[in-house]
Amino acid sequence: MDLKDLYLRQRISAAAAAAATSPEARLAHRQLAAGYASRIADFDAPNEERYSSTALKGTSEALVVSPPLDGSRGEVAQ
């Protein structure tokens, strides 16, 4: 998975945690977001999968995601 996909999944998980209606769902999504944040921090492109949603040019699935603007690594507090 490329870095853009990791940032996207981390942001989606963090948003899902914020919108969760139960403590269990909130915790599960926070853990997912933290896992993605850890993978982002330890990202090593040669060892990551070669699939990228941005490779699907001309489709609605091609996304560009930038890192957090506040300089953080995207961690979610538990």
N, C-alpha and C. Protein backbone atom coordinates (compact mmCIF):
# COMPACT_ATOMS: atom_id res chain seq x y z
N MET A 1 0.86 -1.17 0.00
CA MET A 1 0.00 0.00 0.00
C MET A 1 0.90 1.22 0.00
N ASP A 2 0.60 2.20 -0.85
CA ASP A 2 1.47 3.36 -0.90
C ASP A 2 1.10 4.37 0.19
N LEU A 3 1.94 5.37 0.33
CA LEU A 3 1.79 6.34 1.42
C LEU A 3 0.47 7.10 1.33
N LYS A 4 0.05 7.44 0.13
CA LYS A 4 -1.22 8.16 -0.03
C LYS A 4 -2.39 7.33 0.48
N ASP A 5 -2.38 6.03 0.18
CA ASP A 5 -3.45 5.16 0.66
C ASP A 5 -3.44 5.04 2.18
N LEU A 6 -2.25 4.98 2.76
CA LEU A 6 -2.15 4.91 4.22
C LEU A 6 -2.73 6.16 4.88
N TYR A 7 -2.38 7.35 4.33
CA TYR A 7 -2.93 8.59 4.87
C TYR A 7 -4.46 8.62 4.73
N LEU A 8 -4.96 8.18 3.60
CA LEU A 8 -6.41 8.16 3.38
C LEU A 8 -7.09 7.26 4.40
N ARG A 9 -6.60 6.06 4.55
CA ARG A 9 -7.21 5.11 5.49
C ARG A 9 -7.11 5.60 6.92
N GLN A 10 -5.98 6.25 7.26
CA GLN A 10 -5.83 6.78 8.61
C GLN A 10 -6.85 7.87 8.88
N ARG A 11 -7.04 8.75 7.92
CA ARG A 11 -8.02 9.85 8.08
C ARG A 11 -9.45 9.32 8.15
N ILE A 12 -9.77 8.33 7.33
CA ILE A 12 -11.11 7.74 7.37
C ILE A 12 -11.36 7.07 8.72
N SER A 13 -10.38 6.34 9.22
CA SER A 13 -10.52 5.68 10.51
C SER A 13 -10.67 6.70 11.65
N ALA A 14 -9.91 7.77 11.59
CA ALA A 14 -10.02 8.81 12.62
C ALA A 14 -11.39 9.48 12.58
N ALA A 15 -11.90 9.73 11.38
CA ALA A 15 -13.23 10.33 11.25
C ALA A 15 -14.31 9.37 11.74
N ALA A 16 -14.15 8.09 11.43
CA ALA A 16 -15.12 7.10 11.89
C ALA A 16 -15.10 6.99 13.41
N ALA A 17 -13.92 7.11 14.02
CA ALA A 17 -13.83 7.09 15.48
C ALA A 17 -14.56 8.29 16.08
N ALA A 18 -14.39 9.44 15.47
CA ALA A 18 -15.05 10.65 15.98
C ALA A 18 -16.56 10.56 15.84
N ALA A 19 -17.04 9.86 14.82
CA ALA A 19 -18.47 9.75 14.57
C ALA A 19 -19.11 8.52 15.22
N ALA A 20 -18.31 7.66 15.81
CA ALA A 20 -18.84 6.41 16.38
C ALA A 20 -19.83 6.69 17.50
N THR A 21 -20.84 5.87 17.56
CA THR A 21 -21.88 6.05 18.58
C THR A 21 -21.69 5.13 19.77
N SER A 22 -20.80 4.17 19.68
CA SER A 22 -20.56 3.27 20.82
C SER A 22 -19.08 3.30 21.19
N PRO A 23 -18.78 3.05 22.45
CA PRO A 23 -17.38 3.03 22.88
C PRO A 23 -16.57 1.95 22.15
N GLU A 24 -17.20 0.82 21.86
CA GLU A 24 -16.50 -0.27 21.17
C GLU A 24 -16.10 0.14 19.75
N ALA A 25 -17.02 0.77 19.04
CA ALA A 25 -16.73 1.21 17.68
C ALA A 25 -15.67 2.31 17.69
N ARG A 26 -15.78 3.22 18.65
CA ARG A 26 -14.80 4.31 18.76
C ARG A 26 -13.40 3.74 18.98
N LEU A 27 -13.29 2.77 19.90
CA LEU A 27 -11.99 2.16 20.19
C LEU A 27 -11.45 1.41 18.97
N ALA A 28 -12.30 0.66 18.30
CA ALA A 28 -11.86 -0.11 17.13
C ALA A 28 -11.32 0.82 16.05
N HIS A 29 -12.04 1.91 15.78
CA HIS A 29 -11.58 2.85 14.75
C HIS A 29 -10.33 3.61 15.18
N ARG A 30 -10.21 3.93 16.47
CA ARG A 30 -9.00 4.58 16.96
C ARG A 30 -7.80 3.66 16.81
N GLN A 31 -8.00 2.37 17.08
CA GLN A 31 -6.91 1.41 16.94
C GLN A 31 -6.50 1.26 15.48
N LEU A 32 -7.48 1.24 14.59
CA LEU A 32 -7.16 1.19 13.16
C LEU A 32 -6.36 2.42 12.75
N ALA A 33 -6.82 3.61 13.18
CA ALA A 33 -6.13 4.86 12.84
C ALA A 33 -4.70 4.85 13.39
N ALA A 34 -4.54 4.36 14.61
CA ALA A 34 -3.20 4.30 15.21
C ALA A 34 -2.30 3.33 14.45
N GLY A 35 -2.87 2.23 13.99
CA GLY A 35 -2.10 1.27 13.21
C GLY A 35 -1.63 1.87 11.89
N TYR A 36 -2.53 2.61 11.23
CA TYR A 36 -2.14 3.27 9.98
C TYR A 36 -1.09 4.34 10.25
N ALA A 37 -1.24 5.08 11.35
CA ALA A 37 -0.26 6.12 11.70
C ALA A 37 1.11 5.49 11.95
N SER A 38 1.12 4.32 12.56
CA SER A 38 2.38 3.61 12.79
C SER A 38 3.02 3.18 11.47
N ARG A 39 2.20 2.68 10.55
CA ARG A 39 2.73 2.29 9.24
C ARG A 39 3.25 3.50 8.48
N ILE A 40 2.58 4.65 8.62
CA ILE A 40 3.03 5.88 7.97
C ILE A 40 4.39 6.29 8.54
N ALA A 41 4.52 6.23 9.85
CA ALA A 41 5.78 6.62 10.50
C ALA A 41 6.92 5.70 10.10
N ASP A 42 6.62 4.43 9.89
CA ASP A 42 7.65 3.44 9.54
C ASP A 42 7.69 3.13 8.05
N PHE A 43 7.09 3.99 7.24
CA PHE A 43 6.95 3.70 5.80
C PHE A 43 8.29 3.46 5.13
N ASP A 44 8.36 2.37 4.41
CA ASP A 44 9.55 2.01 3.64
C ASP A 44 9.05 1.58 2.27
N ALA A 45 9.06 2.48 1.32
CA ALA A 45 8.45 2.24 0.01
C ALA A 45 8.86 0.94 -0.67
N PRO A 46 10.12 0.54 -0.68
CA PRO A 46 10.47 -0.70 -1.37
C PRO A 46 9.81 -1.94 -0.77
N ASN A 47 9.46 -1.90 0.51
CA ASN A 47 8.86 -3.06 1.16
C ASN A 47 7.34 -3.01 1.19
N GLU A 48 6.75 -1.94 0.73
CA GLU A 48 5.30 -1.83 0.69
C GLU A 48 4.76 -2.46 -0.58
N GLU A 49 3.48 -2.77 -0.57
CA GLU A 49 2.84 -3.33 -1.75
C GLU A 49 2.89 -2.32 -2.89
N ARG A 50 2.83 -2.80 -4.10
CA ARG A 50 2.92 -1.92 -5.26
C ARG A 50 1.57 -1.40 -5.72
N TYR A 51 0.46 -1.87 -5.15
CA TYR A 51 -0.85 -1.38 -5.54
C TYR A 51 -1.04 0.04 -5.06
N SER A 52 -1.66 0.86 -5.89
CA SER A 52 -1.99 2.23 -5.51
C SER A 52 -3.29 2.63 -6.16
N SER A 53 -4.18 3.21 -5.38
CA SER A 53 -5.45 3.67 -5.96
C SER A 53 -5.21 4.79 -6.97
N THR A 54 -4.08 5.48 -6.85
CA THR A 54 -3.78 6.55 -7.80
C THR A 54 -3.39 5.98 -9.16
N ALA A 55 -3.10 4.68 -9.22
CA ALA A 55 -2.75 4.06 -10.49
C ALA A 55 -3.97 3.85 -11.37
N LEU A 56 -5.15 4.01 -10.81
CA LEU A 56 -6.39 3.82 -11.55
C LEU A 56 -6.78 5.13 -12.22
N LYS A 57 -5.95 5.58 -13.10
CA LYS A 57 -6.15 6.87 -13.76
C LYS A 57 -7.45 6.89 -14.54
N GLY A 58 -8.13 8.00 -14.48
CA GLY A 58 -9.38 8.15 -15.22
C GLY A 58 -10.57 7.56 -14.51
N THR A 59 -10.41 7.13 -13.25
CA THR A 59 -11.55 6.60 -12.50
C THR A 59 -11.84 7.51 -11.33
N SER A 60 -13.01 7.33 -10.76
CA SER A 60 -13.39 8.13 -9.59
C SER A 60 -12.61 7.69 -8.36
N GLU A 61 -11.87 6.58 -8.45
CA GLU A 61 -11.13 6.08 -7.31
C GLU A 61 -9.74 6.70 -7.18
N ALA A 62 -9.31 7.46 -8.17
CA ALA A 62 -7.99 8.07 -8.11
C ALA A 62 -8.04 9.25 -7.14
N LEU A 63 -7.30 9.16 -6.03
CA LEU A 63 -7.35 10.17 -4.99
C LEU A 63 -5.95 10.69 -4.71
N VAL A 64 -5.89 11.94 -4.31
CA VAL A 64 -4.63 12.52 -3.88
C VAL A 64 -4.85 12.96 -2.44
N VAL A 65 -4.01 12.46 -1.54
CA VAL A 65 -4.16 12.76 -0.12
C VAL A 65 -2.83 13.32 0.37
N SER A 66 -2.89 14.42 1.08
CA SER A 66 -1.67 15.02 1.60
C SER A 66 -1.54 14.71 3.09
N PRO A 67 -0.34 14.81 3.64
CA PRO A 67 -0.15 14.58 5.06
C PRO A 67 -0.85 15.66 5.88
N PRO A 68 -1.05 15.42 7.18
CA PRO A 68 -1.69 16.43 8.04
C PRO A 68 -0.94 17.76 7.97
N LEU A 69 -1.67 18.84 7.95
CA LEU A 69 -1.07 20.16 7.82
C LEU A 69 -0.44 20.66 9.11
N ASP A 70 -0.80 20.04 10.24
CA ASP A 70 -0.28 20.51 11.51
C ASP A 70 1.08 19.93 11.85
N GLY A 71 1.68 19.16 10.93
CA GLY A 71 3.00 18.60 11.17
C GLY A 71 3.00 17.33 11.98
N SER A 72 1.83 16.88 12.43
CA SER A 72 1.75 15.65 13.20
C SER A 72 1.89 14.45 12.28
N ARG A 73 2.02 13.28 12.88
CA ARG A 73 2.11 12.07 12.08
C ARG A 73 0.73 11.43 11.96
N GLY A 74 -0.30 12.05 12.45
CA GLY A 74 -1.65 11.54 12.29
C GLY A 74 -2.10 10.59 13.37
N GLU A 75 -1.42 10.58 14.53
CA GLU A 75 -1.82 9.68 15.60
C GLU A 75 -3.17 10.11 16.17
N VAL A 76 -3.88 9.14 16.71
CA VAL A 76 -5.16 9.39 17.37
C VAL A 76 -5.01 9.02 18.83
N ALA A 77 -5.33 9.94 19.71
CA ALA A 77 -5.23 9.68 21.14
C ALA A 77 -6.32 8.69 21.56
N GLN A 78 -5.96 7.81 22.49
CA GLN A 78 -6.95 6.83 22.97
C GLN A 78 -7.46 7.22 24.33
